[in-house]
């Protein structure tokens, strides 16, 4: 997690005074691989959300301009600045605040993320953290569980772990990269370049690609849902392998760190409710004698876990 306050000045004073409704305003941003979601909250007023799809890569500057325009629409609705901004980021960010890797949008590599975000929101406290970490934080609060493992199946695989109410491994020590846990030594090649990562087997695109190979024809998200509803072998088999891989990763984490609950979220998982049952079945099959089975449940916040975590991060600044 990285946190940086903007330079002091009139903008900071205005933000601290709060919005027109008498309370401070906070902005959460979930930067995904295919779209960006934003949620504005205040102390007393209703929350407002908006989103946009990235589209083809045209460079980091173009992407940041789109983000600024979208955030500007939320600001324009009240004419008041945000006191703090929290950003959920899937990219790997180095200690110098530069993006070191983001396979989904490689044109961001080398971007000085900290200065770029602070320039977008002058006068606001700006913080960012891994999207999976923030999803875990939000889900732990929603579930009232201080020891929780989050598995997020979407465009990639996100993950987060909360132990004793705190993120693990913790601020400034890196993110909980569950998606790059190796679950198959000879598995498919991941976008990171390594073979066998959980993401390469259990992400939404990986599941759809496997279903297409089994079916012998292209498969999109709606095709998969229809195939599962009709009990088609190609759909059931494709999803079962995804569930098995997610369960294997969760069991490995449980053996080392003993969370009390696992929750399954992410945009892909939110639209495929059958996936929770597949993961639960494989967790039962993988349980070691003498140890309690790790329970798994759907994420309470659905596909919005990272976004809500971003708002939570902003509120903590």
Protein backbone atom coordinates (compact mmCIF):
# COMPACT_ATOMS: atom_id res chain seq x y z
CA UNK A 1 0.00 0.00 0.00
CA UNK A 2 1.22 3.47 -0.80
CA UNK A 3 -0.10 6.67 0.77
CA UNK A 4 0.93 10.18 -0.12
CA UNK A 5 -0.68 13.46 0.96
CA UNK A 6 -0.81 16.30 -1.52
CA UNK A 7 1.13 19.47 -0.80
CA UNK A 8 -0.56 21.80 1.70
CA UNK A 9 -2.44 24.77 0.36
CA UNK A 10 -5.83 26.25 -0.26
CA UNK A 11 -7.09 23.09 -2.01
CA UNK A 12 -6.38 20.97 1.07
CA UNK A 13 -8.21 23.44 3.30
CA UNK A 14 -11.25 23.41 1.03
CA UNK A 15 -11.36 19.62 1.00
CA UNK A 16 -11.10 19.42 4.78
CA UNK A 17 -14.11 21.73 5.17
CA UNK A 18 -16.27 19.14 3.44
CA UNK A 19 -18.86 19.28 0.70
CA UNK A 20 -22.08 21.17 0.38
CA UNK A 21 -23.86 18.55 2.48
CA UNK A 22 -21.68 19.44 5.47
CA UNK A 23 -19.46 16.36 5.41
CA UNK A 24 -16.16 15.44 3.75
CA UNK A 25 -16.29 13.75 0.37
CA UNK A 26 -14.32 10.63 -0.50
CA UNK A 27 -13.62 9.01 -3.86
CA UNK A 28 -12.85 5.37 -4.48
CA UNK A 29 -11.49 4.21 -7.84
CA UNK A 30 -11.22 0.59 -8.93
CA UNK A 31 -8.82 0.45 -11.88
CA UNK A 32 -9.49 -2.87 -13.60
CA UNK A 33 -8.01 -4.55 -16.62
CA UNK A 34 -11.07 -3.86 -18.78
CA UNK A 35 -12.93 -1.05 -17.02
CA UNK A 36 -12.67 1.57 -14.29
CA UNK A 37 -15.34 2.09 -11.62
CA UNK A 38 -15.64 5.16 -9.39
CA UNK A 39 -17.68 5.67 -6.23
CA UNK A 40 -18.08 8.99 -4.41
CA UNK A 41 -19.28 9.06 -0.81
CA UNK A 42 -19.84 11.80 1.72
CA UNK A 43 -20.55 11.82 5.44
CA UNK A 44 -24.27 12.38 5.00
CA UNK A 45 -25.28 12.37 1.34
CA UNK A 46 -26.04 9.44 -0.99
CA UNK A 47 -23.23 7.63 -2.77
CA UNK A 48 -22.74 8.15 -6.49
CA UNK A 49 -21.12 5.69 -8.91
CA UNK A 50 -19.98 5.76 -12.50
CA UNK A 51 -17.68 3.70 -14.72
CA UNK A 52 -16.13 3.47 -18.16
CA UNK A 53 -14.43 0.82 -20.29
CA UNK A 54 -10.78 1.29 -21.22
CA UNK A 55 -11.00 0.23 -24.83
CA UNK A 56 -7.84 -0.35 -26.93
CA UNK A 57 -4.61 0.87 -25.37
CA UNK A 58 -3.67 4.36 -26.55
CA UNK A 59 -1.11 5.20 -23.91
CA UNK A 60 -1.08 6.01 -20.21
CA UNK A 61 -1.62 9.73 -20.78
CA UNK A 62 -4.80 9.04 -22.75
CA UNK A 63 -6.01 6.66 -20.03
CA UNK A 64 -5.34 9.19 -17.28
CA UNK A 65 -7.20 11.86 -19.22
CA UNK A 66 -10.24 9.61 -19.42
CA UNK A 67 -9.99 8.91 -15.70
CA UNK A 68 -9.77 12.62 -14.95
CA UNK A 69 -12.82 13.35 -17.10
CA UNK A 70 -14.87 10.65 -15.42
CA UNK A 71 -13.86 11.80 -11.93
CA UNK A 72 -14.67 15.34 -13.00
CA UNK A 73 -18.28 14.41 -13.69
CA UNK A 74 -18.67 13.30 -10.07
CA UNK A 75 -17.07 16.48 -8.78
CA UNK A 76 -19.25 18.66 -11.03
CA UNK A 77 -22.44 17.25 -9.55
CA UNK A 78 -21.79 19.09 -6.28
CA UNK A 79 -19.00 21.48 -7.20
CA UNK A 80 -17.06 20.36 -4.15
CA UNK A 81 -13.58 18.74 -4.08
CA UNK A 82 -12.75 15.37 -2.59
CA UNK A 83 -11.02 15.26 0.77
CA UNK A 84 -9.31 11.96 0.01
CA UNK A 85 -9.01 9.51 -2.87
CA UNK A 86 -8.37 5.77 -2.63
CA UNK A 87 -7.31 3.80 -5.70
CA UNK A 88 -7.38 0.04 -6.19
CA UNK A 89 -4.60 -0.83 -8.65
CA UNK A 90 -3.86 -4.18 -10.31
CA UNK A 91 -0.45 -3.00 -11.52
CA UNK A 92 2.82 -3.74 -9.75
CA UNK A 93 4.21 -0.49 -8.36
CA UNK A 94 7.80 -0.13 -7.15
CA UNK A 95 9.04 1.76 -4.10
CA UNK A 96 9.78 4.76 -6.34
CA UNK A 97 6.04 4.97 -7.17
CA UNK A 98 6.59 3.82 -10.74
CA UNK A 99 4.56 1.08 -12.41
CA UNK A 100 6.93 -1.81 -12.99
CA UNK A 101 4.48 -4.22 -14.62
CA UNK A 102 0.86 -4.36 -15.77
CA UNK A 103 0.33 -7.05 -18.44
CA UNK A 104 -3.23 -5.88 -19.18
CA UNK A 105 -2.02 -2.37 -20.07
CA UNK A 106 1.73 -2.58 -20.70
CA UNK A 107 1.82 1.03 -21.86
CA UNK A 108 1.59 2.04 -18.19
CA UNK A 109 4.98 0.46 -17.44
CA UNK A 110 7.34 3.17 -16.21
CA UNK A 111 4.52 5.59 -15.36
CA UNK A 112 5.22 7.57 -12.15
CA UNK A 113 1.90 6.59 -10.60
CA UNK A 114 2.14 8.69 -7.45
CA UNK A 115 2.78 12.02 -9.18
CA UNK A 116 0.19 11.20 -11.86
CA UNK A 117 -2.57 10.52 -9.33
CA UNK A 118 -1.71 13.53 -7.19
CA UNK A 119 -1.83 15.73 -10.28
CA UNK A 120 -5.34 14.46 -11.02
CA UNK A 121 -6.59 15.32 -7.54
CA UNK A 122 -4.80 18.41 -6.25
CA UNK A 123 -5.62 19.24 -2.66
CA UNK A 124 -6.71 15.70 -1.80
CA UNK A 125 -4.96 13.02 0.19
CA UNK A 126 -4.23 10.24 -2.30
CA UNK A 127 -3.55 6.60 -1.48
CA UNK A 128 -3.41 3.43 -3.53
CA UNK A 129 -3.11 -0.27 -2.87
CA UNK A 130 -3.47 -3.58 -4.67
CA UNK A 131 -7.05 -4.24 -5.78
CA UNK A 132 -7.13 -7.71 -4.21
CA UNK A 133 -5.84 -6.38 -0.89
CA UNK A 134 -8.51 -3.69 -0.79
CA UNK A 135 -11.21 -6.21 -1.73
CA UNK A 136 -10.14 -8.36 1.22
CA UNK A 137 -10.26 -5.36 3.54
CA UNK A 138 -13.79 -4.46 2.44
CA UNK A 139 -15.04 -8.04 2.61
CA UNK A 140 -13.55 -8.56 6.07
CA UNK A 141 -15.41 -5.50 7.32
CA UNK A 142 -18.65 -6.59 5.63
CA UNK A 143 -18.41 -10.11 7.08
CA UNK A 144 -17.23 -9.02 10.52
CA UNK A 145 -14.32 -11.45 10.17
CA UNK A 146 -10.78 -10.42 11.14
CA UNK A 147 -9.11 -13.44 9.49
CA UNK A 148 -10.33 -13.66 5.92
CA UNK A 149 -8.99 -14.85 2.58
CA UNK A 150 -10.35 -13.15 -0.52
CA UNK A 151 -10.25 -14.80 -3.95
CA UNK A 152 -11.26 -12.56 -6.83
CA UNK A 153 -11.96 -14.18 -10.20
CA UNK A 154 -12.29 -11.64 -12.97
CA UNK A 155 -10.16 -10.57 -15.93
CA UNK A 156 -7.30 -11.84 -13.77
CA UNK A 157 -7.14 -13.39 -10.34
CA UNK A 158 -6.91 -11.03 -7.40
CA UNK A 159 -6.35 -12.04 -3.84
CA UNK A 160 -6.07 -10.55 -0.41
CA UNK A 161 -5.58 -11.73 3.14
CA UNK A 162 -6.65 -10.03 6.34
CA UNK A 163 -5.26 -11.40 9.61
CA UNK A 164 -6.20 -9.87 12.92
CA UNK A 165 -8.01 -7.12 11.03
CA UNK A 166 -4.85 -6.09 9.16
CA UNK A 167 -3.70 -6.65 5.62
CA UNK A 168 -1.07 -9.35 5.14
CA UNK A 169 1.80 -8.92 4.28
CA UNK A 170 1.02 -5.31 5.17
CA UNK A 171 1.74 -1.78 3.99
CA UNK A 172 5.01 -1.27 2.10
CA UNK A 173 5.79 -5.00 2.03
CA UNK A 174 4.05 -5.81 -1.23
CA UNK A 175 0.65 -7.17 -2.18
CA UNK A 176 -0.89 -10.60 -1.65
CA UNK A 177 -0.42 -11.92 -5.18
CA UNK A 178 -2.63 -15.00 -5.04
CA UNK A 179 -3.09 -14.94 -8.80
CA UNK A 180 0.60 -15.66 -9.30
CA UNK A 181 0.74 -18.57 -6.90
CA UNK A 182 1.91 -21.57 -8.94
CA UNK A 183 -0.74 -24.30 -8.79
CA UNK A 184 0.30 -26.36 -11.84
CA UNK A 185 4.01 -26.92 -12.46
CA UNK A 186 3.39 -27.70 -16.13
CA UNK A 187 0.32 -25.50 -16.46
CA UNK A 188 -0.46 -22.86 -19.07
CA UNK A 189 1.69 -19.79 -19.50
CA UNK A 190 0.54 -16.78 -17.51
CA UNK A 191 0.61 -13.21 -18.83
CA UNK A 192 3.46 -12.62 -16.37
CA UNK A 193 5.59 -15.08 -18.38
CA UNK A 194 5.65 -17.86 -15.79
CA UNK A 195 3.94 -21.23 -16.23
CA UNK A 196 1.27 -22.59 -13.93
CA UNK A 197 0.04 -19.43 -12.16
CA UNK A 198 -3.46 -19.62 -10.72
CA UNK A 199 -4.47 -16.75 -13.00
CA UNK A 200 -3.55 -18.73 -16.11
CA UNK A 201 -6.03 -21.45 -15.12
CA UNK A 202 -8.80 -19.83 -13.11
CA UNK A 203 -9.37 -16.30 -14.46
CA UNK A 204 -12.46 -15.51 -16.50
CA UNK A 205 -10.61 -15.44 -19.85
CA UNK A 206 -8.77 -18.67 -19.01
CA UNK A 207 -12.03 -20.41 -18.14
CA UNK A 208 -13.72 -19.23 -21.34
CA UNK A 209 -10.73 -20.29 -23.45
CA UNK A 210 -10.80 -23.76 -21.88
CA UNK A 211 -14.54 -24.04 -22.47
CA UNK A 212 -14.02 -23.08 -26.12
CA UNK A 213 -11.37 -25.79 -26.56
CA UNK A 214 -13.69 -28.38 -25.02
CA UNK A 215 -16.65 -27.25 -27.08
CA UNK A 216 -14.73 -26.85 -30.30
CA UNK A 217 -16.29 -23.45 -30.86
CA UNK A 218 -15.97 -19.95 -29.42
CA UNK A 219 -17.48 -19.40 -25.96
CA UNK A 220 -18.35 -16.05 -24.44
CA UNK A 221 -19.62 -15.30 -20.94
CA UNK A 222 -23.29 -15.76 -21.82
CA UNK A 223 -22.53 -19.01 -23.65
CA UNK A 224 -20.84 -20.37 -20.54
CA UNK A 225 -23.75 -19.44 -18.29
CA UNK A 226 -26.20 -21.04 -20.71
CA UNK A 227 -24.05 -24.15 -20.97
CA UNK A 228 -23.90 -24.48 -17.19
CA UNK A 229 -27.65 -24.01 -16.87
CA UNK A 230 -28.23 -26.75 -19.45
CA UNK A 231 -25.61 -29.04 -17.93
CA UNK A 232 -23.37 -29.11 -21.02
CA UNK A 233 -20.27 -31.21 -20.38
CA UNK A 234 -17.88 -28.66 -21.91
CA UNK A 235 -19.16 -25.93 -19.60
CA UNK A 236 -19.28 -28.05 -16.44
CA UNK A 237 -15.79 -29.45 -17.03
CA UNK A 238 -14.29 -26.03 -17.78
CA UNK A 239 -15.72 -24.50 -14.62
CA UNK A 240 -14.78 -27.49 -12.49
CA UNK A 241 -11.10 -27.05 -13.29
CA UNK A 242 -11.36 -23.40 -12.34
CA UNK A 243 -12.94 -24.36 -9.02
CA UNK A 244 -10.28 -26.99 -8.40
CA UNK A 245 -7.45 -24.52 -9.00
CA UNK A 246 -9.00 -21.90 -6.72
CA UNK A 247 -9.52 -24.49 -3.99
CA UNK A 248 -5.92 -25.70 -4.28
CA UNK A 249 -4.65 -22.16 -3.82
CA UNK A 250 -6.94 -21.57 -0.85
CA UNK A 251 -5.85 -24.80 0.81
CA UNK A 252 -2.20 -23.79 0.47
CA UNK A 253 -2.87 -20.45 2.13
CA UNK A 254 -4.91 -22.13 4.87
CA UNK A 255 -2.13 -24.55 5.72
CA UNK A 256 0.26 -21.66 6.36
CA UNK A 257 -1.83 -18.80 7.69
CA UNK A 258 -5.15 -20.24 8.91
CA UNK A 259 -7.84 -17.78 7.81
CA UNK A 260 -11.28 -18.53 9.25
CA UNK A 261 -13.23 -17.77 6.08
CA UNK A 262 -12.65 -17.63 2.33
CA UNK A 263 -14.84 -15.45 0.14
CA UNK A 264 -15.08 -15.67 -3.63
CA UNK A 265 -15.66 -12.44 -5.54
CA UNK A 266 -14.70 -10.67 -8.74
CA UNK A 267 -16.76 -9.83 -11.79
CA UNK A 268 -16.51 -13.28 -13.35
CA UNK A 269 -17.42 -15.13 -10.15
CA UNK A 270 -20.30 -12.74 -9.48
CA UNK A 271 -21.96 -13.82 -12.73
CA UNK A 272 -21.31 -17.55 -12.24
CA UNK A 273 -22.90 -18.48 -8.88
CA UNK A 274 -22.13 -22.17 -9.51
CA UNK A 275 -18.44 -21.45 -8.99
CA UNK A 276 -18.75 -21.15 -5.20
CA UNK A 277 -20.17 -24.68 -5.00
CA UNK A 278 -17.37 -26.04 -7.19
CA UNK A 279 -14.75 -24.45 -4.94
CA UNK A 280 -16.49 -25.76 -1.81
CA UNK A 281 -16.59 -29.31 -3.18
CA UNK A 282 -12.88 -29.27 -3.98
CA UNK A 283 -12.02 -27.73 -0.60
CA UNK A 284 -13.80 -30.66 1.03
CA UNK A 285 -11.93 -33.16 -1.14
CA UNK A 286 -8.57 -31.52 -0.38
CA UNK A 287 -9.14 -31.21 3.36
CA UNK A 288 -6.40 -32.87 5.44
CA UNK A 289 -7.57 -35.31 8.13
CA UNK A 290 -7.58 -33.72 11.56
CA UNK A 291 -7.99 -30.16 10.30
CA UNK A 292 -11.17 -28.15 9.90
CA UNK A 293 -12.28 -27.48 6.35
CA UNK A 294 -11.96 -23.87 5.26
CA UNK A 295 -15.49 -22.51 4.65
CA UNK A 296 -16.10 -20.53 1.47
CA UNK A 297 -18.89 -18.09 0.72
CA UNK A 298 -19.77 -15.61 -2.03
CA UNK A 299 -18.35 -12.15 -1.55
CA UNK A 300 -20.93 -10.02 0.25
CA UNK A 301 -20.11 -7.06 -1.98
CA UNK A 302 -20.19 -9.07 -5.20
CA UNK A 303 -18.10 -7.56 -7.96
CA UNK A 304 -17.76 -4.29 -6.01
CA UNK A 305 -15.33 -5.48 -3.33
CA UNK A 306 -12.29 -3.63 -4.69
CA UNK A 307 -14.29 -0.46 -5.29
CA UNK A 308 -15.66 -0.46 -1.74
CA UNK A 309 -12.17 -1.17 -0.45
CA UNK A 310 -10.87 1.84 -2.35
CA UNK A 311 -13.46 4.04 -0.63
CA UNK A 312 -12.52 2.50 2.71
CA UNK A 313 -8.89 3.36 1.98
CA UNK A 314 -9.86 6.96 1.22
CA UNK A 315 -11.82 7.23 4.44
CA UNK A 316 -8.81 6.07 6.42
CA UNK A 317 -6.58 8.88 5.15
